[in-house]
Amino acid sequence: MQIELISLLMVHFLCNASAQEGPLNMDAALFCSSNFERVKVALHPTLSLEAYDQMTTEERVEISVEGYAYYKAWLQENPDLSEQFRLSATVVMTNW
């Protein structure tokens, strides 16, 4: 697994753990939303972040939907790793 994808996923799980503690402020919500879009693009087998950045809004919406399916598939294919990410993020947010 690429270090970039691992980083994006870990931040995603940190965002989820933070949101479980309470509502995110606007800056955090925008950051987390943007990161999750990056997760979905990074999991897309034929798309780069650079290509995504050049797309129209309509194209990005389509890719976002496809990327969500890839994200859900990744969770199912990697239950142990996703649980490790979730638990690590929860520990970090609990001890912050």
C-alpha atoms as a PDB file:
ATOM      1  CA  MET A   1       0.000   0.000   0.000  1.00  0.00           C
ATOM      2  CA  GLN A   2       1.313   3.426  -0.898  1.00  0.00           C
ATOM      3  CA  ILE A   3       2.351   5.790   1.880  1.00  0.00           C
ATOM      4  CA  GLU A   4       0.101   8.506   0.436  1.00  0.00           C
ATOM      5  CA  LEU A   5      -2.962   6.263   0.626  1.00  0.00           C
ATOM      6  CA  ILE A   6      -2.087   5.163   4.156  1.00  0.00           C
ATOM      7  CA  SER A   7      -1.767   8.809   5.191  1.00  0.00           C
ATOM      8  CA  LEU A   8      -5.059   9.780   3.603  1.00  0.00           C
ATOM      9  CA  LEU A   9      -6.847   6.857   5.222  1.00  0.00           C
ATOM     10  CA  MET A  10      -5.382   7.560   8.660  1.00  0.00           C
ATOM     11  CA  VAL A  11      -6.473  11.195   8.442  1.00  0.00           C
ATOM     12  CA  HIS A  12      -9.926  10.019   7.353  1.00  0.00           C
ATOM     13  CA  PHE A  13     -10.228   7.813  10.421  1.00  0.00           C
ATOM     14  CA  LEU A  14      -8.949  10.661  12.618  1.00  0.00           C
ATOM     15  CA  CYS A  15     -11.643  12.900  11.151  1.00  0.00           C
ATOM     16  CA  ASN A  16     -14.289  10.284  11.898  1.00  0.00           C
ATOM     17  CA  ALA A  17     -13.059   9.883  15.479  1.00  0.00           C
ATOM     18  CA  SER A  18     -13.024  13.651  15.932  1.00  0.00           C
ATOM     19  CA  ALA A  19     -16.565  13.975  14.572  1.00  0.00           C
ATOM     20  CA  GLN A  20     -17.732  11.362  17.063  1.00  0.00           C
ATOM     21  CA  GLU A  21     -16.485  13.626  19.855  1.00  0.00           C
ATOM     22  CA  GLY A  22     -18.705  16.455  18.621  1.00  0.00           C
ATOM     23  CA  PRO A  23     -19.417  18.698  15.646  1.00  0.00           C
ATOM     24  CA  LEU A  24     -16.386  19.767  13.649  1.00  0.00           C
ATOM     25  CA  ASN A  25     -15.761  23.465  13.159  1.00  0.00           C
ATOM     26  CA  MET A  26     -15.985  24.763   9.596  1.00  0.00           C
ATOM     27  CA  ASP A  27     -12.245  24.539   8.883  1.00  0.00           C
ATOM     28  CA  ALA A  28     -12.034  20.967  10.185  1.00  0.00           C
ATOM     29  CA  ALA A  29     -15.177  19.930   8.297  1.00  0.00           C
ATOM     30  CA  LEU A  30     -13.814  21.323   5.033  1.00  0.00           C
ATOM     31  CA  PHE A  31     -10.437  19.689   5.635  1.00  0.00           C
ATOM     32  CA  CYS A  32     -12.002  16.311   6.427  1.00  0.00           C
ATOM     33  CA  SER A  33     -14.356  16.499   3.469  1.00  0.00           C
ATOM     34  CA  SER A  34     -11.510  17.343   1.117  1.00  0.00           C
ATOM     35  CA  ASN A  35      -9.396  14.537   2.554  1.00  0.00           C
ATOM     36  CA  PHE A  36     -12.196  12.009   2.035  1.00  0.00           C
ATOM     37  CA  GLU A  37     -12.494  13.080  -1.602  1.00  0.00           C
ATOM     38  CA  ARG A  38      -8.754  12.435  -1.891  1.00  0.00           C
ATOM     39  CA  VAL A  39      -9.219   8.988  -0.310  1.00  0.00           C
ATOM     40  CA  LYS A  40     -11.852   8.089  -2.884  1.00  0.00           C
ATOM     41  CA  VAL A  41      -9.672   9.304  -5.754  1.00  0.00           C
ATOM     42  CA  ALA A  42      -6.593   7.505  -4.400  1.00  0.00           C
ATOM     43  CA  LEU A  43      -8.562   4.241  -4.286  1.00  0.00           C
ATOM     44  CA  HIS A  44      -9.783   4.698  -7.879  1.00  0.00           C
ATOM     45  CA  PRO A  45      -7.753   2.286  -9.999  1.00  0.00           C
ATOM     46  CA  THR A  46      -7.429   4.456 -13.111  1.00  0.00           C
ATOM     47  CA  LEU A  47      -7.377   8.026 -11.829  1.00  0.00           C
ATOM     48  CA  SER A  48      -4.680  10.281 -10.425  1.00  0.00           C
ATOM     49  CA  LEU A  49      -5.177  13.212  -8.068  1.00  0.00           C
ATOM     50  CA  GLU A  50      -3.748  15.480 -10.759  1.00  0.00           C
ATOM     51  CA  ALA A  51      -6.345  14.331 -13.299  1.00  0.00           C
ATOM     52  CA  TYR A  52      -9.126  14.715 -10.715  1.00  0.00           C
ATOM     53  CA  ASP A  53      -8.058  18.305 -10.031  1.00  0.00           C
ATOM     54  CA  GLN A  54      -8.536  19.112 -13.732  1.00  0.00           C
ATOM     55  CA  MET A  55     -12.078  17.715 -13.939  1.00  0.00           C
ATOM     56  CA  THR A  56     -15.329  19.620 -14.131  1.00  0.00           C
ATOM     57  CA  THR A  57     -17.735  19.575 -11.191  1.00  0.00           C
ATOM     58  CA  GLU A  58     -19.980  17.087 -12.989  1.00  0.00           C
ATOM     59  CA  GLU A  59     -17.054  14.740 -13.622  1.00  0.00           C
ATOM     60  CA  ARG A  60     -15.944  15.026 -10.004  1.00  0.00           C
ATOM     61  CA  VAL A  61     -19.425  14.072  -8.768  1.00  0.00           C
ATOM     62  CA  GLU A  62     -19.341  10.923 -10.901  1.00  0.00           C
ATOM     63  CA  ILE A  63     -15.848  10.048  -9.679  1.00  0.00           C
ATOM     64  CA  SER A  64     -16.903  10.681  -6.074  1.00  0.00           C
ATOM     65  CA  VAL A  65     -19.716   8.149  -6.377  1.00  0.00           C
ATOM     66  CA  GLU A  66     -17.399   5.611  -8.009  1.00  0.00           C
ATOM     67  CA  GLY A  67     -14.713   6.322  -5.428  1.00  0.00           C
ATOM     68  CA  TYR A  68     -17.141   5.706  -2.584  1.00  0.00           C
ATOM     69  CA  ALA A  69     -17.793   2.232  -3.981  1.00  0.00           C
ATOM     70  CA  TYR A  70     -14.021   1.631  -4.092  1.00  0.00           C
ATOM     71  CA  TYR A  71     -13.746   2.871  -0.490  1.00  0.00           C
ATOM     72  CA  LYS A  72     -16.496   0.500   0.699  1.00  0.00           C
ATOM     73  CA  ALA A  73     -14.814  -2.348  -1.188  1.00  0.00           C
ATOM     74  CA  TRP A  74     -11.481  -1.470   0.446  1.00  0.00           C
ATOM     75  CA  LEU A  75     -13.117  -1.629   3.885  1.00  0.00           C
ATOM     76  CA  GLN A  76     -14.539  -5.077   3.120  1.00  0.00           C
ATOM     77  CA  GLU A  77     -11.228  -6.324   1.684  1.00  0.00           C
ATOM     78  CA  ASN A  78      -9.182  -4.943   4.597  1.00  0.00           C
ATOM     79  CA  PRO A  79     -11.255  -5.369   7.759  1.00  0.00           C
ATOM     80  CA  ASP A  80      -8.273  -5.859  10.071  1.00  0.00           C
ATOM     81  CA  LEU A  81      -6.357  -2.871   8.747  1.00  0.00           C
ATOM     82  CA  SER A  82      -9.401  -0.599   8.758  1.00  0.00           C
ATOM     83  CA  GLU A  83     -10.119  -1.639  12.353  1.00  0.00           C
ATOM     84  CA  GLN A  84      -6.513  -0.853  13.299  1.00  0.00           C
ATOM     85  CA  PHE A  85      -6.865   2.592  11.714  1.00  0.00           C
ATOM     86  CA  ARG A  86     -10.158   3.162  13.532  1.00  0.00           C
ATOM     87  CA  LEU A  87      -8.793   2.085  16.899  1.00  0.00           C
ATOM     88  CA  SER A  88      -5.599   4.110  16.482  1.00  0.00           C
ATOM     89  CA  ALA A  89      -7.578   7.206  15.559  1.00  0.00           C
ATOM     90  CA  THR A  90      -9.859   6.737  18.557  1.00  0.00           C
ATOM     91  CA  VAL A  91      -6.871   6.425  20.901  1.00  0.00           C
ATOM     92  CA  VAL A  92      -5.268   9.557  19.452  1.00  0.00           C
ATOM     93  CA  MET A  93      -8.463  11.606  19.750  1.00  0.00           C
ATOM     94  CA  THR A  94      -9.172  10.293  23.263  1.00  0.00           C
ATOM     95  CA  ASN A  95      -5.707  11.241  24.484  1.00  0.00           C
ATOM     96  CA  TRP A  96      -5.398  14.560  22.639  1.00  0.00           C
END
